[in-house]
Amino acid sequence: MKSFEHKDATSIKEAVKLQGKGKTKLIAGGTDLLGILKDRILPEYPETVVNIKTIPNLDYIKADAKGLKIGALTKLEDIAGSPVIREKYNILAEAAEAVATPHIRAMGTLGGNLCQDVRCWYYRSPNQIGGRIDCYLKGGKECYAHTRENQYHSIFGGLRSTDTPCQTACPGHVVISSYLSQIREGNLRDAAKLLLQNNPIPAITGRVCPHFCEQSCNRGEYDESLSIRNIERFIGDYILDNADELIEKPAKNTGKKVAIVGSGPAGLAAAYYLRLSGHRVTVFDRMEEAGGLLRYAIPM
């Protein structure tokens, strides 16, 4: 384990102040944090660990006519054994009693148990075993638990903690699952607007894009990936047929001018978003018609 500075906080105000200085972690019971630090799971190691167990009057159980109040530093074994909680809030007592082992319940606090770090084993893969996994929750680009057993580790919905695999694989980072949901509901207009946020030429990409999204589609783990390419082509043609309604005008003009060399797909896409931002755009190309190699190199 790397060395770090350890400081005891005497008040909540002091703990907040210390936490705002550099790379800092809070510690109470420590049963979760110290193991994470020892295994070097986190991408950044704290320079200071602030102990909040030394803050007085945070371990209490108070019941009144309005309900029950439990301090963040109240130990789990005290919650499980409290006569008041067992009488009026027995489910809470049973939940506290079911946590881990007696030794951990004797150290673990209510606040610490609620705020413990992510339990996913991709996230917790130790640095000593093949190297730390820098997943999405640690600043990486991918969640490795999307369609595997770890997706059930989050009661708040593990699959929604990051971008979908198809969106991650898309060079344009198109919100594919969102616009597909709109199509499923019959809202072609809303689907088209979502697609245009990241791709102004879907009628073209729906025909020539290699569609890495389909290679990463979750559905492929069960049978075949969704035919995102054909759906995109359909929406692209819908946009062309309803361009006057769907292509937005800039909200304001900035007065700035931009020159773009090349009228291929990249140049035209840049021109679209620059104009949408309010800039005046001029596109230069040595050929007579726009389209670049897409027009002149691909046989019709």
Protein backbone atom coordinates (compact mmCIF):
# COMPACT_ATOMS: atom_id res chain seq x y z
CA MET A 1 0.00 0.00 0.00
CA LYS A 2 1.23 3.48 -0.84
CA SER A 3 1.72 5.94 1.99
CA PHE A 4 -0.79 8.71 2.65
CA GLU A 5 -1.36 11.42 5.24
CA HIS A 6 -3.99 10.63 7.88
CA LYS A 7 -5.97 13.44 9.53
CA ASP A 8 -8.65 13.30 12.22
CA ALA A 9 -11.56 15.68 11.68
CA THR A 10 -13.21 17.16 14.77
CA SER A 11 -16.27 18.59 13.01
CA ILE A 12 -18.25 18.21 9.80
CA LYS A 13 -17.07 21.67 8.73
CA GLU A 14 -13.43 20.67 9.17
CA ALA A 15 -13.96 17.40 7.27
CA VAL A 16 -15.50 19.26 4.32
CA LYS A 17 -12.62 21.75 4.35
CA LEU A 18 -9.99 19.00 4.40
CA GLN A 19 -11.75 17.09 1.63
CA GLY A 20 -11.49 20.12 -0.63
CA LYS A 21 -7.70 20.12 -0.46
CA GLY A 22 -6.04 17.94 -3.11
CA LYS A 23 -6.65 14.22 -3.57
CA THR A 24 -8.61 13.22 -0.48
CA LYS A 25 -10.72 10.30 0.69
CA LEU A 26 -12.98 10.07 3.73
CA ILE A 27 -12.75 7.08 6.04
CA ALA A 28 -14.95 5.88 8.88
CA GLY A 29 -15.00 2.13 9.57
CA GLY A 30 -12.49 1.61 6.78
CA THR A 31 -13.50 -1.95 5.92
CA ASP A 32 -14.13 -0.99 2.29
CA LEU A 33 -11.70 1.86 1.60
CA LEU A 34 -8.51 0.27 2.92
CA GLY A 35 -9.01 -2.85 0.81
CA ILE A 36 -9.50 -0.71 -2.30
CA LEU A 37 -6.34 1.26 -1.55
CA LYS A 38 -4.34 -1.89 -0.86
CA ASP A 39 -5.37 -3.45 -4.17
CA ARG A 40 -4.78 -0.16 -6.04
CA ILE A 41 -8.13 -0.37 -7.73
CA LEU A 42 -8.60 3.37 -8.19
CA PRO A 43 -6.85 5.26 -11.02
CA GLU A 44 -5.69 7.95 -8.59
CA TYR A 45 -4.35 7.32 -5.09
CA PRO A 46 -5.36 9.76 -2.32
CA GLU A 47 -2.70 11.95 -0.77
CA THR A 48 -4.76 12.40 2.39
CA VAL A 49 -7.26 10.20 4.20
CA VAL A 50 -9.60 12.15 6.48
CA ASN A 51 -10.95 10.20 9.44
CA ILE A 52 -14.51 11.24 10.35
CA LYS A 53 -14.92 8.76 13.24
CA THR A 54 -13.47 11.46 15.49
CA ILE A 55 -16.41 13.81 14.83
CA PRO A 56 -18.60 13.74 17.98
CA ASN A 57 -22.35 13.18 18.15
CA LEU A 58 -22.78 11.41 14.81
CA ASP A 59 -23.62 8.01 16.31
CA TYR A 60 -27.18 8.14 17.57
CA ILE A 61 -30.58 6.50 17.25
CA LYS A 62 -33.49 8.84 17.96
CA ALA A 63 -37.17 7.98 17.64
CA ASP A 64 -40.00 10.48 18.04
CA ALA A 65 -43.48 11.17 16.73
CA LYS A 66 -42.07 12.24 13.36
CA GLY A 67 -40.10 9.06 12.79
CA LEU A 68 -36.60 7.68 13.24
CA LYS A 69 -33.23 9.43 12.95
CA ILE A 70 -29.97 7.48 12.75
CA GLY A 71 -26.55 9.13 12.75
CA ALA A 72 -24.18 8.37 9.90
CA LEU A 73 -21.57 6.92 12.29
CA THR A 74 -23.99 4.58 14.04
CA LYS A 75 -22.59 1.05 13.82
CA LEU A 76 -24.60 -1.63 12.07
CA GLU A 77 -24.56 -3.88 15.15
CA ASP A 78 -26.17 -1.06 17.17
CA ILE A 79 -28.91 -0.68 14.56
CA ALA A 80 -29.51 -4.43 14.50
CA GLY A 81 -29.68 -4.62 18.31
CA SER A 82 -31.65 -1.45 19.02
CA PRO A 83 -34.89 -2.27 20.94
CA VAL A 84 -36.62 0.76 19.38
CA ILE A 85 -35.73 -0.27 15.84
CA ARG A 86 -36.60 -3.93 16.46
CA GLU A 87 -40.00 -2.95 17.80
CA LYS A 88 -41.07 -0.35 15.23
CA TYR A 89 -38.73 -0.84 12.26
CA ASN A 90 -37.95 -4.53 12.36
CA ILE A 91 -37.12 -4.80 8.63
CA LEU A 92 -34.33 -2.24 9.09
CA ALA A 93 -32.95 -4.20 12.04
CA GLU A 94 -33.00 -7.42 10.02
CA ALA A 95 -31.28 -5.71 7.09
CA ALA A 96 -28.48 -4.43 9.33
CA GLU A 97 -28.11 -7.86 10.93
CA ALA A 98 -27.79 -9.50 7.49
CA VAL A 99 -24.76 -7.43 6.47
CA ALA A 100 -21.50 -9.40 6.16
CA THR A 101 -20.01 -10.82 9.38
CA PRO A 102 -20.25 -9.85 13.09
CA HIS A 103 -16.76 -8.29 12.93
CA ILE A 104 -17.70 -6.07 10.00
CA ARG A 105 -21.00 -5.09 11.63
CA ALA A 106 -19.04 -4.08 14.72
CA MET A 107 -16.92 -1.70 12.62
CA GLY A 108 -19.17 -0.76 9.71
CA THR A 109 -21.38 2.30 10.02
CA LEU A 110 -24.68 3.21 8.42
CA GLY A 111 -23.14 6.01 6.36
CA GLY A 112 -20.19 3.88 5.35
CA ASN A 113 -22.39 1.01 4.25
CA LEU A 114 -24.58 3.28 2.12
CA CYS A 115 -21.57 5.05 0.58
CA GLN A 116 -19.30 2.08 -0.05
CA ASP A 117 -17.69 1.92 -3.46
CA VAL A 118 -19.00 0.04 -6.51
CA ARG A 119 -19.26 -3.74 -6.02
CA CYS A 120 -18.85 -4.75 -9.67
CA TRP A 121 -15.89 -7.11 -10.04
CA TYR A 122 -14.70 -5.46 -13.23
CA TYR A 123 -14.41 -2.25 -11.23
CA ARG A 124 -12.75 -4.06 -8.33
CA SER A 125 -10.27 -6.13 -10.31
CA PRO A 126 -7.03 -5.65 -8.31
CA ASN A 127 -3.92 -4.19 -9.87
CA GLN A 128 -1.92 -7.29 -8.88
CA ILE A 129 -3.95 -9.61 -11.13
CA GLY A 130 -3.26 -8.67 -14.73
CA GLY A 131 -3.52 -4.95 -14.13
CA ARG A 132 -6.30 -2.64 -13.03
CA ILE A 133 -9.34 -2.40 -15.33
CA ASP A 134 -10.06 1.23 -16.14
CA CYS A 135 -13.79 0.87 -16.73
CA TYR A 136 -16.28 3.65 -17.42
CA LEU A 137 -16.76 4.48 -13.75
CA LYS A 138 -13.01 5.04 -13.40
CA GLY A 139 -12.67 7.33 -16.40
CA GLY A 140 -12.50 4.68 -19.13
CA LYS A 141 -14.66 4.47 -22.24
CA GLU A 142 -16.45 1.17 -21.67
CA CYS A 143 -18.58 -0.58 -19.08
CA TYR A 144 -17.63 -4.28 -19.14
CA ALA A 145 -20.74 -5.35 -17.22
CA HIS A 146 -23.36 -4.32 -19.77
CA THR A 147 -24.76 -7.73 -20.64
CA ARG A 148 -23.04 -9.91 -18.08
CA GLU A 149 -23.98 -10.92 -14.54
CA ASN A 150 -22.67 -7.65 -13.06
CA GLN A 151 -25.48 -5.69 -14.70
CA TYR A 152 -27.65 -6.83 -11.79
CA HIS A 153 -25.35 -5.34 -9.13
CA SER A 154 -26.99 -1.92 -9.32
CA ILE A 155 -30.56 -1.45 -8.13
CA PHE A 156 -30.58 1.85 -10.03
CA GLY A 157 -29.97 0.16 -13.38
CA GLY A 158 -26.43 -0.82 -14.29
CA LEU A 159 -27.17 -0.79 -18.01
CA ARG A 160 -27.91 2.92 -17.88
CA SER A 161 -24.73 3.95 -16.09
CA THR A 162 -22.91 4.62 -19.34
CA ASP A 163 -23.37 4.83 -23.09
CA THR A 164 -24.65 1.74 -24.87
CA PRO A 165 -22.09 -0.41 -26.76
CA CYS A 166 -23.51 0.65 -30.13
CA GLN A 167 -23.15 4.33 -29.26
CA THR A 168 -19.63 3.79 -27.92
CA ALA A 169 -18.59 2.03 -31.14
CA CYS A 170 -20.10 4.71 -33.39
CA PRO A 171 -17.43 7.21 -34.58
CA GLY A 172 -20.11 9.91 -34.56
CA HIS A 173 -21.31 8.90 -31.08
CA VAL A 174 -24.92 8.87 -32.29
CA VAL A 175 -27.51 8.18 -29.57
CA ILE A 176 -28.66 5.05 -31.38
CA SER A 177 -30.76 3.45 -28.65
CA SER A 178 -32.60 6.74 -28.06
CA TYR A 179 -33.64 7.28 -31.66
CA LEU A 180 -34.56 3.60 -32.04
CA SER A 181 -36.87 4.00 -29.04
CA GLN A 182 -38.59 6.91 -30.77
CA ILE A 183 -39.05 4.84 -33.92
CA ARG A 184 -40.55 2.02 -31.86
CA GLU A 185 -43.10 4.53 -30.51
CA GLY A 186 -43.84 5.75 -34.03
CA ASN A 187 -42.22 9.16 -33.51
CA LEU A 188 -40.21 9.50 -36.73
CA ARG A 189 -39.84 13.25 -36.34
CA ASP A 190 -38.26 12.96 -32.88
CA ALA A 191 -36.06 10.10 -34.07
CA ALA A 192 -34.83 12.22 -36.98
CA LYS A 193 -34.01 15.14 -34.70
CA LEU A 194 -31.99 12.91 -32.38
CA LEU A 195 -30.07 11.48 -35.33
CA LEU A 196 -29.31 14.95 -36.71
CA GLN A 197 -27.68 15.96 -33.43
CA ASN A 198 -24.57 13.96 -34.33
CA ASN A 199 -25.04 13.04 -37.97
CA PRO A 200 -26.29 15.58 -40.55
CA ILE A 201 -26.06 13.13 -43.48
CA PRO A 202 -27.77 9.89 -42.33
CA ALA A 203 -29.08 9.17 -45.84
CA ILE A 204 -25.43 8.82 -46.90
CA THR A 205 -24.06 6.97 -43.87
CA GLY A 206 -27.07 4.67 -44.00
CA ARG A 207 -25.72 3.48 -47.34
CA VAL A 208 -21.91 3.54 -47.08
CA CYS A 209 -20.98 3.49 -43.38
CA PRO A 210 -19.39 0.17 -42.20
CA HIS A 211 -21.57 0.48 -39.09
CA PHE A 212 -19.34 -0.58 -36.22
CA CYS A 213 -22.44 -0.18 -34.07
CA GLU A 214 -23.87 -3.44 -35.40
CA GLN A 215 -20.68 -5.29 -34.49
CA SER A 216 -21.09 -4.14 -30.86
CA CYS A 217 -24.86 -4.55 -30.63
CA ASN A 218 -25.99 -6.30 -27.42
CA ARG A 219 -28.52 -8.28 -29.42
CA GLY A 220 -25.68 -10.09 -31.16
CA GLU A 221 -25.03 -12.04 -27.95
CA TYR A 222 -28.42 -13.75 -28.35
CA ASP A 223 -28.97 -14.07 -32.11
CA GLU A 224 -28.22 -11.25 -34.57
CA SER A 225 -27.52 -7.56 -34.17
CA LEU A 226 -30.17 -5.02 -35.08
CA SER A 227 -30.01 -3.78 -38.66
CA ILE A 228 -29.13 -0.25 -37.56
CA ARG A 229 -27.78 0.60 -41.00
CA ASN A 230 -31.10 0.00 -42.78
CA ILE A 231 -33.02 1.86 -40.08
CA GLU A 232 -30.64 4.82 -40.37
CA ARG A 233 -31.07 4.79 -44.15
CA PHE A 234 -34.85 4.89 -43.73
CA ILE A 235 -34.67 7.84 -41.32
CA GLY A 236 -32.14 9.57 -43.58
CA ASP A 237 -34.55 9.38 -46.51
CA TYR A 238 -37.33 10.61 -44.24
CA ILE A 239 -35.18 13.65 -43.37
CA LEU A 240 -34.59 14.41 -47.07
CA ASP A 241 -38.33 14.23 -47.74
CA ASN A 242 -39.07 16.56 -44.81
CA ALA A 243 -35.96 18.76 -44.86
CA ASP A 244 -37.88 22.06 -44.67
CA GLU A 245 -39.44 20.93 -41.43
CA LEU A 246 -36.50 19.12 -39.82
CA ILE A 247 -33.40 21.12 -40.78
CA GLU A 248 -33.22 23.92 -38.23
CA LYS A 249 -32.11 27.46 -38.90
CA PRO A 250 -29.43 29.02 -36.67
CA ALA A 251 -30.89 30.70 -33.59
CA LYS A 252 -28.61 33.70 -34.12
CA ASN A 253 -25.82 34.94 -36.39
CA THR A 254 -22.42 35.39 -34.79
CA GLY A 255 -21.02 37.57 -37.56
CA LYS A 256 -18.05 35.22 -37.95
CA LYS A 257 -17.03 33.68 -41.26
CA VAL A 258 -15.55 30.22 -41.80
CA ALA A 259 -13.98 28.77 -44.95
CA ILE A 260 -14.00 24.99 -45.50
CA VAL A 261 -11.77 23.36 -48.10
CA GLY A 262 -13.41 20.25 -49.53
CA SER A 263 -17.07 19.45 -50.04
CA GLY A 264 -16.93 15.79 -49.12
CA PRO A 265 -19.04 14.34 -46.29
CA ALA A 266 -16.69 15.65 -43.58
CA GLY A 267 -16.62 19.15 -45.07
CA LEU A 268 -20.39 19.30 -45.50
CA ALA A 269 -20.96 17.96 -41.98
CA ALA A 270 -18.65 20.64 -40.58
CA ALA A 271 -20.45 23.28 -42.63
CA TYR A 272 -23.82 22.12 -41.27
CA TYR A 273 -22.86 22.40 -37.61
CA LEU A 274 -20.91 25.64 -38.08
CA ARG A 275 -23.92 27.24 -39.78
CA LEU A 276 -26.21 25.87 -37.07
CA SER A 277 -23.95 27.65 -34.56
CA GLY A 278 -24.55 30.93 -36.38
CA HIS A 279 -21.38 31.29 -38.46
CA ARG A 280 -21.34 32.20 -42.16
CA VAL A 281 -19.78 29.28 -44.04
CA THR A 282 -18.18 29.10 -47.49
CA VAL A 283 -17.16 25.72 -48.92
CA PHE A 284 -14.40 25.54 -51.54
CA ASP A 285 -13.84 22.56 -53.82
CA ARG A 286 -11.99 22.11 -57.13
CA MET A 287 -14.77 19.91 -58.51
CA GLU A 288 -17.96 21.29 -60.01
CA GLU A 289 -20.36 19.49 -57.68
CA ALA A 290 -20.27 18.81 -53.96
CA GLY A 291 -19.74 15.33 -52.55
CA GLY A 292 -16.01 14.71 -52.84
CA LEU A 293 -14.85 11.16 -53.50
CA LEU A 294 -18.23 9.91 -52.38
CA ARG A 295 -19.69 11.40 -55.56
CA TYR A 296 -16.83 10.89 -58.00
CA ALA A 297 -15.21 7.62 -56.87
CA ILE A 298 -18.17 5.40 -56.01
CA PRO A 299 -19.98 3.99 -59.07
CA MET A 300 -23.63 4.96 -59.32
